[in-house]
Amino acid sequence: MAGPEPLPWWRTVWPFRRRTRAGSGRLTRLLVILAVVLALCAAGFLLLPAGRNLFEDTRDKLGKAKPVTPARVTATDQLPGHTADLTTDGLSNRYWATSRPGASVTYSFGKPFRLVDLIITNGASKSAEEYARQARALRVDMEVTAQDGKVHRQEIDLSDKPGSQTVPVGISDVRKIRLTLNAPVGLTRGRGIALAEVEFFQRT
């Protein structure tokens, strides 16, 4: 008399390995399958933010960026004749100046947007001669507030050289940006910490 047929490979793994009759063990198999499905759903949920960020970053790289102008500019400190709004006037030979490190400038926007990049022109000017006349910050602490109130923080290290420096960002629904000047160089009596221009770019 021939013996029983060998089990298929999938029946050699617990809890499928034992022979069943009259439906016994089906509940156990069902519970295992349900647990696997739930685990996959949980993994997908945890990976969703990373996947969304990758998707948005790809759109940033493939799309075009256009400048966006803040509706309001304020500062915690400014020297006479060198107000914070000069950082958005489109001219790199006029600058905001503060007498102390830790001072900040805040840019508020009329409607939320996807911030792709910002361009910082550090110091007093793009001209090397004028640049050296004032102090400048080598670190800027950026705090970005989104429409839902969530705050994103980023530390920006700047090169001590005249000219524009591009900072990639990639944050959605931006409503407010605060830049705090730190790590000054060249700060002596009679000089201020200068910031010539800050430009913001949104995805179209």
N, C-alpha and C. Protein backbone atom coordinates (compact mmCIF):
# COMPACT_ATOMS: atom_id res chain seq x y z
N MET A 1 0.85 -1.19 0.00
CA MET A 1 0.00 0.00 0.00
C MET A 1 0.88 1.24 0.00
N ALA A 2 0.61 2.14 -0.91
CA ALA A 2 1.45 3.35 -1.05
C ALA A 2 1.27 4.27 0.15
N GLY A 3 2.39 4.94 0.57
CA GLY A 3 2.32 5.86 1.70
C GLY A 3 1.69 7.18 1.29
N PRO A 4 1.50 8.07 2.26
CA PRO A 4 0.88 9.38 1.96
C PRO A 4 1.78 10.24 1.09
N GLU A 5 1.20 11.03 0.24
CA GLU A 5 1.97 11.91 -0.62
C GLU A 5 2.74 12.94 0.20
N PRO A 6 3.95 13.31 -0.24
CA PRO A 6 4.72 14.31 0.51
C PRO A 6 4.00 15.66 0.55
N LEU A 7 4.22 16.36 1.63
CA LEU A 7 3.59 17.67 1.77
C LEU A 7 4.21 18.68 0.81
N PRO A 8 3.43 19.61 0.27
CA PRO A 8 4.02 20.70 -0.52
C PRO A 8 4.91 21.56 0.38
N TRP A 9 5.84 22.32 -0.26
CA TRP A 9 6.84 23.06 0.53
C TRP A 9 6.23 24.03 1.52
N TRP A 10 5.11 24.66 1.11
CA TRP A 10 4.52 25.66 1.99
C TRP A 10 3.85 25.04 3.21
N ARG A 11 3.61 23.71 3.14
CA ARG A 11 3.01 23.03 4.28
C ARG A 11 4.07 22.55 5.27
N THR A 12 5.35 22.74 4.92
CA THR A 12 6.42 22.32 5.83
C THR A 12 6.78 23.41 6.84
N VAL A 13 6.16 24.60 6.71
CA VAL A 13 6.40 25.70 7.63
C VAL A 13 5.26 25.78 8.63
N TRP A 14 5.64 25.91 9.91
CA TRP A 14 4.59 26.02 10.94
C TRP A 14 3.75 27.27 10.69
N PRO A 15 2.44 27.31 10.81
CA PRO A 15 1.62 26.21 11.36
C PRO A 15 0.99 25.35 10.29
N PHE A 16 1.55 25.33 9.09
CA PHE A 16 0.94 24.61 7.97
C PHE A 16 1.47 23.18 7.84
N ARG A 17 2.52 22.81 8.64
CA ARG A 17 3.24 21.57 8.37
C ARG A 17 2.46 20.30 8.74
N ARG A 18 1.54 20.43 9.67
CA ARG A 18 0.82 19.22 10.06
C ARG A 18 -0.38 19.00 9.16
N ARG A 19 -0.69 17.71 8.94
CA ARG A 19 -1.87 17.38 8.14
C ARG A 19 -3.12 17.69 8.94
N THR A 20 -4.09 18.22 8.27
CA THR A 20 -5.32 18.57 8.96
C THR A 20 -6.50 17.86 8.32
N ARG A 21 -7.50 17.72 9.07
CA ARG A 21 -8.73 17.13 8.55
C ARG A 21 -9.92 17.89 9.13
N ALA A 22 -10.96 17.93 8.37
CA ALA A 22 -12.22 18.56 8.80
C ALA A 22 -12.02 20.01 9.23
N GLY A 23 -11.09 20.71 8.56
CA GLY A 23 -10.94 22.15 8.81
C GLY A 23 -10.13 22.50 10.02
N SER A 24 -9.54 21.54 10.76
CA SER A 24 -8.75 21.88 11.94
C SER A 24 -7.49 22.61 11.52
N GLY A 25 -7.11 23.64 12.27
CA GLY A 25 -5.91 24.43 11.96
C GLY A 25 -6.17 25.60 11.04
N ARG A 26 -7.32 25.67 10.45
CA ARG A 26 -7.61 26.79 9.54
C ARG A 26 -7.65 28.12 10.27
N LEU A 27 -8.18 28.11 11.48
CA LEU A 27 -8.24 29.34 12.26
C LEU A 27 -6.83 29.86 12.55
N THR A 28 -5.92 28.94 12.89
CA THR A 28 -4.53 29.34 13.18
C THR A 28 -3.88 29.95 11.95
N ARG A 29 -4.08 29.28 10.80
CA ARG A 29 -3.51 29.81 9.55
C ARG A 29 -4.09 31.19 9.23
N LEU A 30 -5.37 31.34 9.44
CA LEU A 30 -6.01 32.62 9.18
C LEU A 30 -5.44 33.72 10.06
N LEU A 31 -5.21 33.38 11.34
CA LEU A 31 -4.64 34.37 12.26
C LEU A 31 -3.22 34.76 11.87
N VAL A 32 -2.44 33.79 11.40
CA VAL A 32 -1.07 34.09 10.96
C VAL A 32 -1.09 35.00 9.74
N ILE A 33 -1.96 34.68 8.79
CA ILE A 33 -2.05 35.51 7.58
C ILE A 33 -2.49 36.92 7.94
N LEU A 34 -3.47 37.02 8.86
CA LEU A 34 -3.96 38.33 9.29
C LEU A 34 -2.84 39.12 9.97
N ALA A 35 -2.03 38.44 10.78
CA ALA A 35 -0.91 39.11 11.46
C ALA A 35 0.11 39.63 10.45
N VAL A 36 0.37 38.84 9.40
CA VAL A 36 1.32 39.28 8.36
C VAL A 36 0.79 40.51 7.63
N VAL A 37 -0.50 40.48 7.31
CA VAL A 37 -1.11 41.62 6.61
C VAL A 37 -1.04 42.88 7.47
N LEU A 38 -1.35 42.74 8.75
CA LEU A 38 -1.29 43.89 9.66
C LEU A 38 0.13 44.41 9.79
N ALA A 39 1.11 43.51 9.83
CA ALA A 39 2.51 43.93 9.92
C ALA A 39 2.93 44.71 8.67
N LEU A 40 2.48 44.24 7.52
CA LEU A 40 2.80 44.94 6.27
C LEU A 40 2.15 46.32 6.24
N CYS A 41 0.92 46.40 6.72
CA CYS A 41 0.24 47.70 6.77
C CYS A 41 0.96 48.67 7.70
N ALA A 42 1.40 48.15 8.85
CA ALA A 42 2.12 49.00 9.81
C ALA A 42 3.43 49.49 9.22
N ALA A 43 4.15 48.58 8.53
CA ALA A 43 5.41 48.98 7.90
C ALA A 43 5.17 50.04 6.83
N GLY A 44 4.11 49.86 6.05
CA GLY A 44 3.79 50.86 5.03
C GLY A 44 3.46 52.21 5.64
N PHE A 45 2.75 52.18 6.75
CA PHE A 45 2.40 53.44 7.43
C PHE A 45 3.66 54.15 7.94
N LEU A 46 4.60 53.38 8.50
CA LEU A 46 5.83 53.97 9.04
C LEU A 46 6.72 54.51 7.92
N LEU A 47 6.69 53.85 6.78
CA LEU A 47 7.55 54.27 5.67
C LEU A 47 6.91 55.38 4.83
N LEU A 48 5.64 55.68 5.05
CA LEU A 48 4.93 56.67 4.25
C LEU A 48 5.59 58.04 4.26
N PRO A 49 5.96 58.62 5.43
CA PRO A 49 6.61 59.93 5.41
C PRO A 49 7.88 59.95 4.59
N ALA A 50 8.70 58.90 4.69
CA ALA A 50 9.94 58.84 3.91
C ALA A 50 9.62 58.79 2.42
N GLY A 51 8.61 58.01 2.06
CA GLY A 51 8.22 57.93 0.65
C GLY A 51 7.67 59.25 0.13
N ARG A 52 6.89 59.95 0.98
CA ARG A 52 6.34 61.24 0.58
C ARG A 52 7.46 62.26 0.40
N ASN A 53 8.44 62.24 1.31
CA ASN A 53 9.56 63.18 1.20
C ASN A 53 10.36 62.93 -0.08
N LEU A 54 10.58 61.66 -0.40
CA LEU A 54 11.31 61.32 -1.63
C LEU A 54 10.55 61.81 -2.85
N PHE A 55 9.23 61.64 -2.84
CA PHE A 55 8.40 62.09 -3.95
C PHE A 55 8.47 63.60 -4.11
N GLU A 56 8.38 64.34 -3.00
CA GLU A 56 8.44 65.81 -3.06
C GLU A 56 9.82 66.29 -3.51
N ASP A 57 10.88 65.64 -3.02
CA ASP A 57 12.23 66.03 -3.43
C ASP A 57 12.44 65.81 -4.92
N THR A 58 11.88 64.73 -5.44
CA THR A 58 11.98 64.46 -6.88
C THR A 58 11.25 65.54 -7.68
N ARG A 59 10.08 65.94 -7.21
CA ARG A 59 9.34 67.01 -7.87
C ARG A 59 10.12 68.33 -7.83
N ASP A 60 10.80 68.58 -6.71
CA ASP A 60 11.62 69.80 -6.61
C ASP A 60 12.70 69.82 -7.68
N LYS A 61 13.34 68.68 -7.89
CA LYS A 61 14.45 68.61 -8.84
C LYS A 61 13.96 68.69 -10.28
N LEU A 62 12.78 68.12 -10.54
CA LEU A 62 12.26 68.11 -11.91
C LEU A 62 11.51 69.39 -12.27
N GLY A 63 10.96 70.06 -11.27
CA GLY A 63 10.18 71.27 -11.53
C GLY A 63 11.03 72.52 -11.62
N LYS A 64 10.37 73.62 -11.90
CA LYS A 64 11.04 74.91 -11.96
C LYS A 64 10.74 75.69 -10.69
N ALA A 65 11.68 76.52 -10.30
CA ALA A 65 11.50 77.34 -9.10
C ALA A 65 11.38 78.80 -9.49
N LYS A 66 10.54 79.53 -8.77
CA LYS A 66 10.40 80.96 -9.02
C LYS A 66 10.50 81.70 -7.70
N PRO A 67 10.96 82.95 -7.72
CA PRO A 67 11.12 83.69 -6.46
C PRO A 67 9.77 84.03 -5.82
N VAL A 68 9.78 84.10 -4.51
CA VAL A 68 8.59 84.50 -3.76
C VAL A 68 9.02 85.59 -2.77
N THR A 69 8.21 86.63 -2.66
CA THR A 69 8.56 87.78 -1.83
C THR A 69 7.76 87.76 -0.53
N PRO A 70 8.41 87.93 0.60
CA PRO A 70 7.67 87.96 1.88
C PRO A 70 6.77 89.18 1.98
N ALA A 71 5.68 89.03 2.70
CA ALA A 71 4.74 90.13 2.89
C ALA A 71 5.20 91.08 3.99
N ARG A 72 6.02 90.56 4.92
CA ARG A 72 6.44 91.37 6.06
C ARG A 72 7.82 90.91 6.52
N VAL A 73 8.67 91.88 6.89
CA VAL A 73 10.01 91.58 7.38
C VAL A 73 10.23 92.34 8.69
N THR A 74 10.62 91.64 9.73
CA THR A 74 10.89 92.26 11.02
C THR A 74 12.21 91.72 11.57
N ALA A 75 12.81 92.48 12.48
CA ALA A 75 14.07 92.05 13.09
C ALA A 75 14.08 92.38 14.57
N THR A 76 14.84 91.62 15.33
CA THR A 76 14.96 91.87 16.77
C THR A 76 15.94 93.00 17.06
N ASP A 77 16.79 93.32 16.08
CA ASP A 77 17.77 94.39 16.28
C ASP A 77 18.24 94.87 14.91
N GLN A 78 18.46 96.17 14.77
CA GLN A 78 18.98 96.71 13.51
C GLN A 78 19.64 98.05 13.77
N LEU A 79 20.68 98.32 13.01
CA LEU A 79 21.39 99.58 13.13
C LEU A 79 20.73 100.64 12.27
N PRO A 80 20.82 101.91 12.65
CA PRO A 80 20.20 102.98 11.86
C PRO A 80 20.67 102.96 10.40
N GLY A 81 19.70 103.05 9.48
CA GLY A 81 20.02 103.06 8.06
C GLY A 81 20.24 101.68 7.47
N HIS A 82 20.16 100.65 8.29
CA HIS A 82 20.40 99.28 7.80
C HIS A 82 19.31 98.36 8.34
N THR A 83 18.08 98.63 7.88
CA THR A 83 16.92 97.91 8.37
C THR A 83 16.79 96.53 7.70
N ALA A 84 16.01 95.64 8.33
CA ALA A 84 15.90 94.25 7.89
C ALA A 84 15.26 94.12 6.51
N ASP A 85 14.37 95.07 6.14
CA ASP A 85 13.71 94.95 4.84
C ASP A 85 14.68 95.13 3.67
N LEU A 86 15.88 95.63 3.94
CA LEU A 86 16.88 95.78 2.87
C LEU A 86 17.40 94.43 2.38
N THR A 87 17.13 93.37 3.14
CA THR A 87 17.57 92.03 2.70
C THR A 87 16.68 91.48 1.58
N THR A 88 15.56 92.15 1.29
CA THR A 88 14.67 91.67 0.23
C THR A 88 14.41 92.73 -0.83
N ASP A 89 15.30 93.74 -0.92
CA ASP A 89 15.07 94.82 -1.88
C ASP A 89 15.67 94.54 -3.25
N GLY A 90 16.30 93.38 -3.43
CA GLY A 90 16.87 93.02 -4.72
C GLY A 90 18.22 93.66 -5.00
N LEU A 91 18.77 94.39 -4.05
CA LEU A 91 20.05 95.07 -4.23
C LEU A 91 21.06 94.50 -3.23
N SER A 92 22.20 94.04 -3.73
CA SER A 92 23.18 93.41 -2.85
C SER A 92 24.16 94.40 -2.24
N ASN A 93 24.04 95.68 -2.59
CA ASN A 93 24.95 96.68 -2.02
C ASN A 93 24.30 97.45 -0.86
N ARG A 94 23.10 96.99 -0.44
CA ARG A 94 22.45 97.54 0.76
C ARG A 94 22.16 96.37 1.68
N TYR A 95 22.28 96.57 2.98
CA TYR A 95 22.27 95.42 3.87
C TYR A 95 21.59 95.73 5.21
N TRP A 96 21.11 94.65 5.82
CA TRP A 96 20.66 94.71 7.21
C TRP A 96 21.88 94.55 8.10
N ALA A 97 21.96 95.31 9.16
CA ALA A 97 23.07 95.20 10.09
C ALA A 97 22.56 95.17 11.53
N THR A 98 23.18 94.33 12.33
CA THR A 98 22.87 94.24 13.75
C THR A 98 24.15 94.38 14.55
N SER A 99 24.02 94.87 15.76
CA SER A 99 25.20 95.11 16.58
C SER A 99 25.65 93.89 17.36
N ARG A 100 24.86 92.81 17.33
CA ARG A 100 25.17 91.68 18.21
C ARG A 100 24.82 90.34 17.57
N PRO A 101 25.57 89.31 17.89
CA PRO A 101 25.18 87.97 17.45
C PRO A 101 23.93 87.52 18.18
N GLY A 102 23.17 86.63 17.58
CA GLY A 102 21.92 86.17 18.17
C GLY A 102 20.72 86.97 17.74
N ALA A 103 20.94 88.07 17.01
CA ALA A 103 19.81 88.84 16.48
C ALA A 103 19.19 88.05 15.33
N SER A 104 17.90 88.24 15.12
CA SER A 104 17.21 87.47 14.09
C SER A 104 16.33 88.37 13.22
N VAL A 105 16.09 87.89 12.01
CA VAL A 105 15.18 88.53 11.08
C VAL A 105 14.10 87.51 10.72
N THR A 106 12.85 87.96 10.69
CA THR A 106 11.72 87.07 10.42
C THR A 106 10.99 87.51 9.16
N TYR A 107 10.75 86.56 8.28
CA TYR A 107 10.04 86.80 7.02
C TYR A 107 8.69 86.10 7.09
N SER A 108 7.61 86.86 6.93
CA SER A 108 6.26 86.30 6.94
C SER A 108 5.69 86.37 5.53
N PHE A 109 4.96 85.33 5.14
CA PHE A 109 4.45 85.23 3.77
C PHE A 109 2.92 85.23 3.77
N GLY A 110 2.36 85.79 2.70
CA GLY A 110 0.92 85.94 2.61
C GLY A 110 0.16 84.64 2.48
N LYS A 111 0.76 83.64 1.83
CA LYS A 111 0.12 82.34 1.68
C LYS A 111 1.18 81.25 1.71
N PRO A 112 0.81 80.04 2.11
CA PRO A 112 1.80 78.96 2.22
C PRO A 112 2.35 78.56 0.86
N PHE A 113 3.59 78.10 0.85
CA PHE A 113 4.24 77.67 -0.39
C PHE A 113 5.28 76.61 -0.08
N ARG A 114 5.72 75.93 -1.12
CA ARG A 114 6.77 74.91 -1.01
C ARG A 114 8.12 75.60 -1.19
N LEU A 115 8.90 75.70 -0.10
CA LEU A 115 10.21 76.34 -0.15
C LEU A 115 11.23 75.34 -0.68
N VAL A 116 11.75 75.62 -1.87
CA VAL A 116 12.72 74.74 -2.50
C VAL A 116 14.15 75.12 -2.11
N ASP A 117 14.49 76.39 -2.30
CA ASP A 117 15.83 76.89 -1.99
C ASP A 117 15.72 78.29 -1.43
N LEU A 118 16.79 78.69 -0.75
CA LEU A 118 16.96 80.12 -0.47
C LEU A 118 18.41 80.47 -0.81
N ILE A 119 18.61 81.70 -1.25
CA ILE A 119 19.94 82.19 -1.62
C ILE A 119 20.30 83.31 -0.66
N ILE A 120 21.44 83.17 -0.02
CA ILE A 120 21.92 84.15 0.95
C ILE A 120 23.14 84.87 0.40
N THR A 121 23.08 86.19 0.39
CA THR A 121 24.26 87.00 0.08
C THR A 121 24.75 87.57 1.39
N ASN A 122 25.82 86.99 1.89
CA ASN A 122 26.31 87.32 3.22
C ASN A 122 27.12 88.62 3.19
N GLY A 123 27.27 89.23 4.36
CA GLY A 123 28.08 90.43 4.47
C GLY A 123 27.39 91.66 3.92
N ALA A 124 28.20 92.70 3.69
CA ALA A 124 27.65 93.99 3.28
C ALA A 124 27.44 94.12 1.79
N SER A 125 28.09 93.29 0.99
CA SER A 125 28.02 93.45 -0.47
C SER A 125 28.67 92.26 -1.16
N LYS A 126 28.39 92.13 -2.46
CA LYS A 126 29.09 91.15 -3.28
C LYS A 126 30.50 91.62 -3.62
N SER A 127 30.73 92.89 -3.48
CA SER A 127 32.07 93.45 -3.70
C SER A 127 33.00 93.03 -2.57
N ALA A 128 34.16 92.50 -2.92
CA ALA A 128 35.10 92.02 -1.90
C ALA A 128 35.54 93.14 -0.97
N GLU A 129 35.75 94.33 -1.52
CA GLU A 129 36.20 95.46 -0.70
C GLU A 129 35.14 95.86 0.31
N GLU A 130 33.88 95.98 -0.13
CA GLU A 130 32.80 96.37 0.77
C GLU A 130 32.46 95.24 1.75
N TYR A 131 32.59 94.02 1.28
CA TYR A 131 32.32 92.86 2.12
C TYR A 131 33.19 92.87 3.37
N ALA A 132 34.44 93.23 3.19
CA ALA A 132 35.39 93.20 4.30
C ALA A 132 35.21 94.34 5.29
N ARG A 133 34.39 95.34 4.94
CA ARG A 133 34.23 96.50 5.81
C ARG A 133 33.33 96.22 7.01
N GLN A 134 32.50 95.19 6.92
CA GLN A 134 31.58 94.87 8.01
C GLN A 134 31.77 93.43 8.46
N ALA A 135 31.28 93.14 9.65
CA ALA A 135 31.31 91.77 10.14
C ALA A 135 30.25 90.94 9.41
N ARG A 136 30.34 89.64 9.52
CA ARG A 136 29.35 88.75 8.88
C ARG A 136 29.24 87.47 9.71
N ALA A 137 28.12 86.84 9.59
CA ALA A 137 27.84 85.61 10.34
C ALA A 137 28.29 84.40 9.52
N LEU A 138 28.94 83.46 10.18
CA LEU A 138 29.35 82.23 9.49
C LEU A 138 28.39 81.08 9.78
N ARG A 139 27.43 81.31 10.68
CA ARG A 139 26.38 80.32 10.92
C ARG A 139 25.04 81.03 11.05
N VAL A 140 24.06 80.51 10.35
CA VAL A 140 22.70 81.03 10.42
C VAL A 140 21.78 79.88 10.87
N ASP A 141 21.07 80.11 11.94
CA ASP A 141 20.10 79.12 12.41
C ASP A 141 18.73 79.47 11.82
N MET A 142 18.22 78.57 10.99
CA MET A 142 16.95 78.82 10.31
C MET A 142 15.83 78.06 11.00
N GLU A 143 14.73 78.75 11.23
CA GLU A 143 13.52 78.16 11.82
C GLU A 143 12.36 78.44 10.89
N VAL A 144 11.79 77.39 10.33
CA VAL A 144 10.71 77.51 9.36
C VAL A 144 9.41 77.02 9.99
N THR A 145 8.39 77.87 9.97
CA THR A 145 7.08 77.51 10.53
C THR A 145 6.11 77.23 9.40
N ALA A 146 5.49 76.05 9.43
CA ALA A 146 4.55 75.65 8.39
C ALA A 146 3.13 76.10 8.74
N GLN A 147 2.24 75.89 7.79
CA GLN A 147 0.84 76.30 7.95
C GLN A 147 0.19 75.64 9.16
N ASP A 148 0.55 74.39 9.45
CA ASP A 148 -0.06 73.67 10.57
C ASP A 148 0.62 73.96 11.90
N GLY A 149 1.60 74.88 11.92
CA GLY A 149 2.29 75.23 13.15
C GLY A 149 3.54 74.43 13.41
N LYS A 150 3.81 73.41 12.59
CA LYS A 150 5.01 72.60 12.78
C LYS A 150 6.25 73.43 12.45
N VAL A 151 7.28 73.29 13.27
CA VAL A 151 8.51 74.07 13.11
C VAL A 151 9.65 73.17 12.65
N HIS A 152 10.32 73.58 11.59
CA HIS A 152 11.49 72.87 11.06
C HIS A 152 12.72 73.72 11.34
N ARG A 153 13.76 73.09 11.85
CA ARG A 153 15.00 73.82 12.17
C ARG A 153 16.16 73.29 11.34
N GLN A 154 17.00 74.19 10.88
CA GLN A 154 18.16 73.82 10.08
C GLN A 154 19.31 74.77 10.37
N GLU A 155 20.49 74.21 10.58
CA GLU A 155 21.68 75.02 10.82
C GLU A 155 22.42 75.19 9.49
N ILE A 156 22.66 76.44 9.13
CA ILE A 156 23.30 76.75 7.85
C ILE A 156 24.70 77.30 8.11
N ASP A 157 25.71 76.63 7.56
CA ASP A 157 27.08 77.11 7.65
C ASP A 157 27.41 77.88 6.36
N LEU A 158 27.87 79.11 6.52
CA LEU A 158 28.18 79.96 5.38
C LEU A 158 29.69 80.11 5.21
N SER A 159 30.12 80.21 3.96
CA SER A 159 31.52 80.47 3.67
C SER A 159 31.80 81.95 3.86
N ASP A 160 32.99 82.26 4.34
CA ASP A 160 33.36 83.66 4.56
C ASP A 160 33.93 84.25 3.27
N LYS A 161 33.02 84.49 2.34
CA LYS A 161 33.42 85.05 1.05
C LYS A 161 32.26 85.83 0.47
N PRO A 162 32.54 86.86 -0.32
CA PRO A 162 31.45 87.62 -0.93
C PRO A 162 30.75 86.81 -2.02
N GLY A 163 29.49 87.15 -2.26
CA GLY A 163 28.73 86.45 -3.29
C GLY A 163 27.56 85.66 -2.72
N SER A 164 26.80 85.08 -3.60
CA SER A 164 25.59 84.36 -3.22
C SER A 164 25.90 82.91 -2.87
N GLN A 165 25.17 82.38 -1.89
CA GLN A 165 25.30 80.99 -1.48
C GLN A 165 23.91 80.36 -1.45
N THR A 166 23.74 79.28 -2.20
CA THR A 166 22.44 78.61 -2.30
C THR A 166 22.30 77.55 -1.23
N VAL A 167 21.14 77.54 -0.58
CA VAL A 167 20.85 76.57 0.48
C VAL A 167 19.61 75.77 0.07
N PRO A 168 19.75 74.48 -0.25
CA PRO A 168 18.58 73.66 -0.55
C PRO A 168 17.77 73.39 0.71
N VAL A 169 16.43 73.45 0.59
CA VAL A 169 15.59 73.29 1.78
C VAL A 169 14.59 72.14 1.57
N GLY A 170 13.50 72.40 0.83
CA GLY A 170 12.50 71.38 0.59
C GLY A 170 11.51 71.21 1.73
N ILE A 171 10.75 72.27 2.04
CA ILE A 171 9.73 72.22 3.09
C ILE A 171 8.41 72.76 2.53
N SER A 172 7.33 72.06 2.78
CA SER A 172 6.02 72.44 2.23
C SER A 172 5.23 73.32 3.20
N ASP A 173 4.29 74.07 2.63
CA ASP A 173 3.32 74.89 3.39
C ASP A 173 4.00 75.89 4.32
N VAL A 174 5.04 76.54 3.82
CA VAL A 174 5.80 77.49 4.63
C VAL A 174 5.01 78.79 4.78
N ARG A 175 4.96 79.31 6.03
CA ARG A 175 4.32 80.58 6.29
C ARG A 175 5.27 81.62 6.90
N LYS A 176 6.31 81.14 7.59
CA LYS A 176 7.21 82.07 8.27
C LYS A 176 8.61 81.48 8.34
N ILE A 177 9.62 82.33 8.16
CA ILE A 177 11.02 81.90 8.23
C ILE A 177 11.79 82.88 9.10
N ARG A 178 12.48 82.35 10.08
CA ARG A 178 13.32 83.19 10.94
C ARG A 178 14.78 82.77 10.80
N LEU A 179 15.64 83.75 10.56
CA LEU A 179 17.08 83.52 10.43
C LEU A 179 17.79 84.22 11.59
N THR A 180 18.58 83.47 12.34
CA THR A 180 19.33 84.01 13.47
C THR A 180 20.82 83.98 13.15
N LEU A 181 21.47 85.12 13.29
CA LEU A 181 22.88 85.23 12.93
C LEU A 181 23.76 84.84 14.12
N ASN A 182 24.70 83.94 13.86
CA ASN A 182 25.62 83.48 14.90
C ASN A 182 27.02 83.28 14.32
N ALA A 183 27.97 83.01 15.19
CA ALA A 183 29.37 82.79 14.83
C ALA A 183 29.90 83.94 13.95
N PRO A 184 29.86 85.17 14.46
CA PRO A 184 30.31 86.31 13.64
C PRO A 184 31.83 86.34 13.49
N VAL A 185 32.28 86.89 12.39
CA VAL A 185 33.70 87.11 12.16
C VAL A 185 33.88 88.57 11.76
N GLY A 186 34.96 89.19 12.23
CA GLY A 186 35.23 90.58 11.89
C GLY A 186 34.45 91.58 12.70
N LEU A 187 33.85 91.15 13.81
CA LEU A 187 33.04 92.05 14.63
C LEU A 187 33.94 92.83 15.59
N THR A 188 34.15 94.08 15.28
CA THR A 188 34.95 94.97 16.13
C THR A 188 34.17 96.25 16.37
N ARG A 189 34.70 97.11 17.19
CA ARG A 189 34.03 98.36 17.52
C ARG A 189 33.76 99.17 16.23
N GLY A 190 32.53 99.64 16.09
CA GLY A 190 32.17 100.43 14.92
C GLY A 190 31.69 99.62 13.74
N ARG A 191 31.66 98.30 13.88
CA ARG A 191 31.17 97.44 12.80
C ARG A 191 29.91 96.71 13.25
N GLY A 192 29.06 96.39 12.27
CA GLY A 192 27.88 95.59 12.53
C GLY A 192 27.98 94.26 11.79
N ILE A 193 27.15 93.31 12.18
CA ILE A 193 27.05 92.04 11.45
C ILE A 193 26.08 92.26 10.29
N ALA A 194 26.56 92.12 9.08
CA ALA A 194 25.79 92.50 7.89
C ALA A 194 25.24 91.28 7.15
N LEU A 195 24.06 91.47 6.61
CA LEU A 195 23.43 90.47 5.74
C LEU A 195 22.82 91.23 4.58
N ALA A 196 23.36 91.02 3.38
CA ALA A 196 22.97 91.84 2.24
C ALA A 196 21.64 91.45 1.62
N GLU A 197 21.44 90.16 1.40
CA GLU A 197 20.26 89.77 0.65
C GLU A 197 19.87 88.33 0.98
N VAL A 198 18.55 88.09 1.05
CA VAL A 198 18.01 86.74 1.21
C VAL A 198 16.91 86.57 0.18
N GLU A 199 17.03 85.54 -0.66
CA GLU A 199 16.03 85.28 -1.71
C GLU A 199 15.40 83.93 -1.48
N PHE A 200 14.09 83.86 -1.68
CA PHE A 200 13.33 82.64 -1.44
C PHE A 200 12.75 82.14 -2.76
N PHE A 201 12.78 80.81 -2.94
CA PHE A 201 12.28 80.23 -4.19
C PHE A 201 11.28 79.13 -3.90
N GLN A 202 10.15 79.20 -4.62
CA GLN A 202 9.09 78.22 -4.45
C GLN A 202 8.97 77.37 -5.71
N ARG A 203 8.41 76.17 -5.53
CA ARG A 203 8.19 75.29 -6.66
C ARG A 203 6.94 75.70 -7.43
N THR A 204 7.02 75.70 -8.73
CA THR A 204 5.87 76.06 -9.57
C THR A 204 5.11 74.81 -9.96
